[in-house]
């Protein structure tokens, strides 16, 4: 019993614990700094969620605004516009998730197959440069490329695929594919970095053994590379599923117009319109709470599914 009392909560002897603290005090100080940063800027602002259950008025503040319970949530789900906004956000989120994940994995595998370190570095550098472009620049490029006199319409008419230029931003059926293409073009190179790192961690002896067994390049990819990065794919997929309702704001806001409004508005745009422009902060907060709650539920579900199938998981 006396020996147990000398142990800390971490299970090590008290003297050893003090020794470790003295040796790693710099890391502990920095850890406390980042912990305080997270509390201050990530968790403390969550007190603002109280507005979703109030008839919030800035002059009264959070503490003195009238409590209305779930009235704002009832108003949201009785609004046909918000239901449509959820559909748009979920659809674009799923399309972006599938497209960016598949393209990032394929690109990482193909990049790994490039022989010559110099060539590989050049290709990788060029591929992830679009990640650093703002959405203002990306949407400007899209507008120029897809305009009536843009390069896309010029190619379509030159090869007689269409008889006259297409106004891509006037038809609802083109909007979601355009958003998905923009996300793939902008983020594929950046997203492929972690998959490429996982591929380089695969034991080269596995490729040598596969070659001895007569495996070609495609067989090595199928039986060595893809299984080797399977755990990374699952972990990132679980994390990205939690962001499926973060389908975007800038690109939809900048490319959207009255002609495609029914398919372009997302939850974030809805929050901007009703929470800020109309000064109904309670309604905007309720919409944000719903998005966060759905994200948490999706992560828990995906994590549990991975656990039941014996795959890697977050917790």
Protein backbone atom coordinates (compact mmCIF):
# COMPACT_ATOMS: atom_id res chain seq x y z
CA UNK A 1 0.00 0.00 0.00
CA UNK A 2 2.85 2.36 0.89
CA UNK A 3 4.47 1.64 -2.46
CA UNK A 4 1.24 2.47 -4.32
CA UNK A 5 0.97 5.82 -2.54
CA UNK A 6 4.36 6.81 -3.91
CA UNK A 7 3.15 6.36 -7.47
CA UNK A 8 1.60 9.12 -9.52
CA UNK A 9 -1.58 8.87 -11.54
CA UNK A 10 0.56 7.94 -14.57
CA UNK A 11 1.65 4.74 -12.80
CA UNK A 12 5.32 5.65 -12.36
CA UNK A 13 7.17 6.26 -9.08
CA UNK A 14 7.02 9.79 -7.77
CA UNK A 15 10.79 10.29 -7.95
CA UNK A 16 10.86 9.12 -11.57
CA UNK A 17 7.95 11.41 -12.41
CA UNK A 18 9.73 14.45 -10.96
CA UNK A 19 12.89 13.48 -12.85
CA UNK A 20 11.01 13.29 -16.14
CA UNK A 21 9.32 16.65 -15.52
CA UNK A 22 12.67 18.33 -14.87
CA UNK A 23 14.17 16.77 -17.98
CA UNK A 24 11.28 17.67 -20.29
CA UNK A 25 10.08 20.92 -18.74
CA UNK A 26 10.45 22.80 -22.04
CA UNK A 27 8.10 20.40 -23.82
CA UNK A 28 5.65 20.59 -20.93
CA UNK A 29 5.60 24.40 -21.06
CA UNK A 30 4.96 24.39 -24.79
CA UNK A 31 2.26 21.75 -24.35
CA UNK A 32 0.54 23.91 -21.74
CA UNK A 33 0.73 26.85 -24.14
CA UNK A 34 -1.04 24.94 -26.92
CA UNK A 35 -3.51 23.47 -24.42
CA UNK A 36 -4.41 26.98 -23.26
CA UNK A 37 -4.68 28.09 -26.87
CA UNK A 38 -7.15 25.30 -27.63
CA UNK A 39 -9.24 26.08 -24.56
CA UNK A 40 -9.31 29.80 -25.30
CA UNK A 41 -10.00 29.75 -29.03
CA UNK A 42 -11.68 26.36 -29.63
CA UNK A 43 -13.74 25.53 -26.55
CA UNK A 44 -14.45 28.85 -24.83
CA UNK A 45 -16.32 30.21 -27.90
CA UNK A 46 -18.73 27.25 -27.62
CA UNK A 47 -20.59 29.30 -25.00
CA UNK A 48 -22.03 31.06 -28.04
CA UNK A 49 -24.11 27.94 -28.72
CA UNK A 50 -26.46 29.22 -26.03
CA UNK A 51 -27.75 31.69 -28.62
CA UNK A 52 -29.32 28.79 -30.50
CA UNK A 53 -31.71 28.29 -27.58
CA UNK A 54 -32.46 31.97 -27.04
CA UNK A 55 -34.15 34.87 -28.76
CA UNK A 56 -30.78 36.52 -28.78
CA UNK A 57 -30.48 40.28 -28.89
CA UNK A 58 -27.05 41.93 -28.87
CA UNK A 59 -28.16 44.61 -26.43
CA UNK A 60 -29.22 41.95 -23.88
CA UNK A 61 -26.26 39.64 -24.35
CA UNK A 62 -26.21 35.88 -23.82
CA UNK A 63 -26.92 36.04 -20.10
CA UNK A 64 -30.07 38.16 -20.34
CA UNK A 65 -31.63 37.08 -23.65
CA UNK A 66 -34.97 35.27 -23.54
CA UNK A 67 -34.85 31.46 -23.50
CA UNK A 68 -37.00 29.84 -26.20
CA UNK A 69 -35.76 26.24 -26.09
CA UNK A 70 -35.84 24.41 -29.44
CA UNK A 71 -38.02 26.97 -31.22
CA UNK A 72 -35.23 27.98 -33.62
CA UNK A 73 -34.52 24.35 -34.52
CA UNK A 74 -38.23 23.81 -35.21
CA UNK A 75 -38.20 26.90 -37.42
CA UNK A 76 -35.21 25.54 -39.34
CA UNK A 77 -36.72 22.17 -40.13
CA UNK A 78 -40.07 23.67 -41.06
CA UNK A 79 -38.30 25.84 -43.64
CA UNK A 80 -38.23 24.21 -47.08
CA UNK A 81 -35.21 26.34 -48.01
CA UNK A 82 -33.15 24.90 -45.17
CA UNK A 83 -34.08 21.33 -46.13
CA UNK A 84 -32.91 22.07 -49.65
CA UNK A 85 -29.72 23.62 -48.27
CA UNK A 86 -29.02 20.44 -46.28
CA UNK A 87 -29.50 18.40 -49.45
CA UNK A 88 -27.09 20.63 -51.39
CA UNK A 89 -24.47 20.57 -48.65
CA UNK A 90 -24.66 16.81 -48.17
CA UNK A 91 -24.58 16.10 -51.92
CA UNK A 92 -21.60 18.34 -52.61
CA UNK A 93 -19.84 17.07 -49.48
CA UNK A 94 -20.21 13.42 -50.52
CA UNK A 95 -19.18 14.13 -54.12
CA UNK A 96 -16.13 16.09 -52.95
CA UNK A 97 -15.20 13.40 -50.42
CA UNK A 98 -15.37 10.56 -52.96
CA UNK A 99 -13.67 12.47 -55.76
CA UNK A 100 -10.82 13.99 -53.72
CA UNK A 101 -10.11 10.76 -51.81
CA UNK A 102 -9.97 8.56 -54.89
CA UNK A 103 -7.91 11.03 -56.91
CA UNK A 104 -5.47 11.63 -54.04
CA UNK A 105 -4.88 7.87 -53.62
CA UNK A 106 -4.47 7.31 -57.35
CA UNK A 107 -2.15 10.28 -57.71
CA UNK A 108 0.00 9.17 -54.77
CA UNK A 109 0.32 5.67 -56.23
CA UNK A 110 1.19 6.98 -59.70
CA UNK A 111 3.63 9.51 -58.26
CA UNK A 112 5.35 6.73 -56.34
CA UNK A 113 5.85 4.83 -59.59
CA UNK A 114 7.84 7.66 -61.17
CA UNK A 115 11.47 6.66 -61.52
CA UNK A 116 13.95 9.36 -60.65
CA UNK A 117 13.79 11.50 -57.52
CA UNK A 118 14.20 14.79 -59.40
CA UNK A 119 11.25 14.13 -61.68
CA UNK A 120 9.13 13.01 -58.75
CA UNK A 121 9.88 16.17 -56.76
CA UNK A 122 9.09 18.42 -59.73
CA UNK A 123 5.73 16.72 -60.33
CA UNK A 124 4.85 16.75 -56.63
CA UNK A 125 5.73 20.43 -56.26
CA UNK A 126 3.65 21.44 -59.26
CA UNK A 127 0.71 19.31 -58.11
CA UNK A 128 0.32 20.84 -54.65
CA UNK A 129 0.89 24.48 -55.63
CA UNK A 130 -2.85 25.03 -56.35
CA UNK A 131 -3.54 24.32 -52.66
CA UNK A 132 -2.01 27.70 -51.81
CA UNK A 133 -4.22 29.62 -54.23
CA UNK A 134 -7.19 31.44 -52.74
CA UNK A 135 -10.66 30.49 -53.90
CA UNK A 136 -10.95 33.97 -55.43
CA UNK A 137 -8.21 33.08 -57.91
CA UNK A 138 -9.56 29.56 -58.51
CA UNK A 139 -13.09 30.79 -59.24
CA UNK A 140 -11.64 33.48 -61.52
CA UNK A 141 -9.81 30.81 -63.51
CA UNK A 142 -13.01 28.73 -63.69
CA UNK A 143 -15.03 31.71 -64.90
CA UNK A 144 -12.52 32.41 -67.66
CA UNK A 145 -12.19 28.76 -68.69
CA UNK A 146 -15.93 28.01 -68.71
CA UNK A 147 -17.20 31.28 -70.13
CA UNK A 148 -18.80 31.47 -73.56
CA UNK A 149 -15.48 32.48 -75.12
CA UNK A 150 -13.39 30.33 -72.77
CA UNK A 151 -11.06 27.53 -73.71
CA UNK A 152 -13.54 24.77 -72.80
CA UNK A 153 -16.24 26.06 -75.15
CA UNK A 154 -13.66 26.71 -77.85
CA UNK A 155 -12.52 23.09 -77.70
CA UNK A 156 -16.08 21.77 -77.63
CA UNK A 157 -17.10 23.77 -80.69
CA UNK A 158 -13.83 23.11 -82.53
CA UNK A 159 -14.26 19.35 -82.22
CA UNK A 160 -17.98 19.69 -83.07
CA UNK A 161 -19.11 18.27 -79.74
CA UNK A 162 -21.59 21.13 -79.36
CA UNK A 163 -23.15 23.41 -81.92
CA UNK A 164 -22.95 26.54 -79.78
CA UNK A 165 -21.15 27.56 -76.55
CA UNK A 166 -22.63 26.31 -73.27
CA UNK A 167 -23.38 28.70 -70.43
CA UNK A 168 -22.11 26.40 -67.67
CA UNK A 169 -23.12 28.77 -64.89
CA UNK A 170 -26.73 29.01 -66.03
CA UNK A 171 -27.62 25.31 -65.72
CA UNK A 172 -28.08 23.59 -62.38
CA UNK A 173 -26.86 20.21 -63.64
CA UNK A 174 -23.33 21.54 -64.16
CA UNK A 175 -22.85 23.23 -60.80
CA UNK A 176 -22.02 20.23 -58.59
CA UNK A 177 -19.54 18.72 -61.11
CA UNK A 178 -17.84 22.11 -61.41
CA UNK A 179 -17.46 22.34 -57.63
CA UNK A 180 -16.11 18.78 -57.48
CA UNK A 181 -13.63 19.45 -60.29
CA UNK A 182 -12.41 22.62 -58.57
CA UNK A 183 -11.83 20.76 -55.29
CA UNK A 184 -10.02 17.91 -57.05
CA UNK A 185 -7.78 20.26 -59.02
CA UNK A 186 -6.96 22.40 -55.99
CA UNK A 187 -6.48 19.73 -53.32
CA UNK A 188 -5.36 16.48 -54.98
CA UNK A 189 -1.65 17.22 -54.81
CA UNK A 190 -1.85 18.36 -51.20
CA UNK A 191 -4.02 15.45 -50.06
CA UNK A 192 -1.70 12.97 -51.77
CA UNK A 193 1.24 13.94 -49.53
CA UNK A 194 0.12 11.83 -46.56
CA UNK A 195 -0.68 8.84 -48.80
CA UNK A 196 2.73 9.15 -50.43
CA UNK A 197 4.33 9.23 -46.98
CA UNK A 198 2.44 6.06 -46.06
CA UNK A 199 3.63 4.37 -49.26
CA UNK A 200 7.27 5.22 -48.57
CA UNK A 201 6.90 3.58 -45.13
CA UNK A 202 6.10 0.22 -46.73
CA UNK A 203 8.92 -2.32 -46.29
CA UNK A 204 10.82 -2.61 -49.62
CA UNK A 205 11.29 -6.31 -48.87
CA UNK A 206 7.61 -6.83 -49.63
CA UNK A 207 8.11 -5.52 -53.17
CA UNK A 208 11.19 -7.69 -53.59
CA UNK A 209 9.27 -10.76 -52.43
CA UNK A 210 6.42 -9.91 -54.81
CA UNK A 211 8.90 -9.57 -57.70
CA UNK A 212 10.41 -12.97 -56.89
CA UNK A 213 6.90 -14.45 -57.03
CA UNK A 214 6.52 -13.00 -60.53
CA UNK A 215 4.38 -9.97 -59.68
CA UNK A 216 4.39 -7.15 -62.21
CA UNK A 217 4.00 -3.45 -61.49
CA UNK A 218 0.19 -3.55 -61.30
CA UNK A 219 0.28 -6.66 -59.12
CA UNK A 220 2.65 -4.90 -56.70
CA UNK A 221 0.25 -1.97 -56.50
CA UNK A 222 -2.71 -4.25 -55.93
CA UNK A 223 -1.21 -6.67 -53.42
CA UNK A 224 1.47 -4.56 -51.69
CA UNK A 225 0.90 -0.82 -52.05
CA UNK A 226 -2.85 -0.60 -51.51
CA UNK A 227 -2.92 -3.02 -48.52
CA UNK A 228 0.08 -1.16 -47.10
CA UNK A 229 -1.78 2.16 -46.98
CA UNK A 230 -5.17 0.68 -46.08
CA UNK A 231 -5.01 1.83 -42.46
CA UNK A 232 -4.12 5.37 -43.53
CA UNK A 233 -7.01 5.43 -45.98
CA UNK A 234 -9.49 4.33 -43.31
CA UNK A 235 -8.29 6.83 -40.69
CA UNK A 236 -8.41 9.74 -43.13
CA UNK A 237 -11.77 8.59 -44.44
CA UNK A 238 -13.25 8.60 -40.94
CA UNK A 239 -11.90 12.08 -40.31
CA UNK A 240 -13.08 13.41 -43.68
CA UNK A 241 -16.57 11.94 -43.24
CA UNK A 242 -16.89 14.23 -40.23
CA UNK A 243 -16.30 17.17 -42.57
CA UNK A 244 -18.86 16.09 -45.16
CA UNK A 245 -21.16 18.98 -44.21
CA UNK A 246 -18.26 21.40 -44.59
CA UNK A 247 -18.85 21.28 -48.33
CA UNK A 248 -17.54 24.79 -48.71
CA UNK A 249 -18.55 28.40 -48.67
CA UNK A 250 -16.29 30.46 -50.90
CA UNK A 251 -16.63 28.55 -54.15
CA UNK A 252 -20.42 28.18 -53.85
CA UNK A 253 -20.80 31.81 -52.86
CA UNK A 254 -18.56 33.09 -55.67
CA UNK A 255 -19.83 30.81 -58.46
CA UNK A 256 -23.47 30.81 -57.42
CA UNK A 257 -26.05 33.07 -58.99
CA UNK A 258 -29.83 33.39 -59.20
CA UNK A 259 -30.06 30.78 -61.95
CA UNK A 260 -28.42 28.03 -59.89
CA UNK A 261 -29.43 29.19 -56.42
CA UNK A 262 -31.45 26.04 -55.73
CA UNK A 263 -28.35 23.85 -55.96
CA UNK A 264 -25.59 26.26 -54.92
CA UNK A 265 -26.57 27.33 -51.41
CA UNK A 266 -24.91 25.49 -48.52
CA UNK A 267 -25.49 25.62 -44.77
CA UNK A 268 -22.68 28.16 -44.38
CA UNK A 269 -24.29 30.48 -46.93
CA UNK A 270 -27.63 30.02 -45.17
CA UNK A 271 -26.01 31.01 -41.86
CA UNK A 272 -24.50 34.09 -43.51
CA UNK A 273 -27.83 35.09 -45.03
CA UNK A 274 -30.03 34.59 -41.98
CA UNK A 275 -27.57 34.79 -39.11
CA UNK A 276 -25.68 37.90 -40.16
CA UNK A 277 -27.44 39.67 -43.02
CA UNK A 278 -30.89 39.34 -41.37
CA UNK A 279 -29.37 39.65 -37.88
CA UNK A 280 -31.14 36.51 -36.67
CA UNK A 281 -28.12 35.24 -34.77
CA UNK A 282 -30.11 32.58 -32.95
CA UNK A 283 -31.25 30.96 -36.21
CA UNK A 284 -27.74 31.02 -37.64
CA UNK A 285 -26.34 29.51 -34.44
CA UNK A 286 -28.96 26.75 -34.49
CA UNK A 287 -27.98 25.88 -38.07
CA UNK A 288 -24.33 25.72 -37.06
CA UNK A 289 -25.11 23.52 -34.05
CA UNK A 290 -26.99 21.11 -36.29
CA UNK A 291 -24.02 20.86 -38.65
CA UNK A 292 -21.60 20.19 -35.79
CA UNK A 293 -23.91 17.58 -34.23
CA UNK A 294 -24.25 15.71 -37.53
CA UNK A 295 -20.47 15.75 -38.00
CA UNK A 296 -19.92 14.23 -34.54
CA UNK A 297 -22.53 11.54 -35.16
CA UNK A 298 -21.00 10.62 -38.53
CA UNK A 299 -17.54 10.27 -37.01
CA UNK A 300 -18.88 8.05 -34.21
CA UNK A 301 -20.76 5.85 -36.68
CA UNK A 302 -17.80 5.44 -39.04
CA UNK A 303 -15.45 4.76 -36.14
CA UNK A 304 -17.79 2.08 -34.79
CA UNK A 305 -18.14 0.47 -38.23
CA UNK A 306 -14.34 0.35 -38.56
CA UNK A 307 -14.08 -1.13 -35.06
CA UNK A 308 -16.62 -3.87 -35.80
CA UNK A 309 -14.72 -4.86 -38.94
CA UNK A 310 -11.38 -4.94 -37.14
CA UNK A 311 -9.95 -1.98 -39.04
CA UNK A 312 -7.92 1.00 -37.81
CA UNK A 313 -9.99 3.61 -36.00
CA UNK A 314 -9.64 6.95 -34.25
CA UNK A 315 -10.54 5.69 -30.76
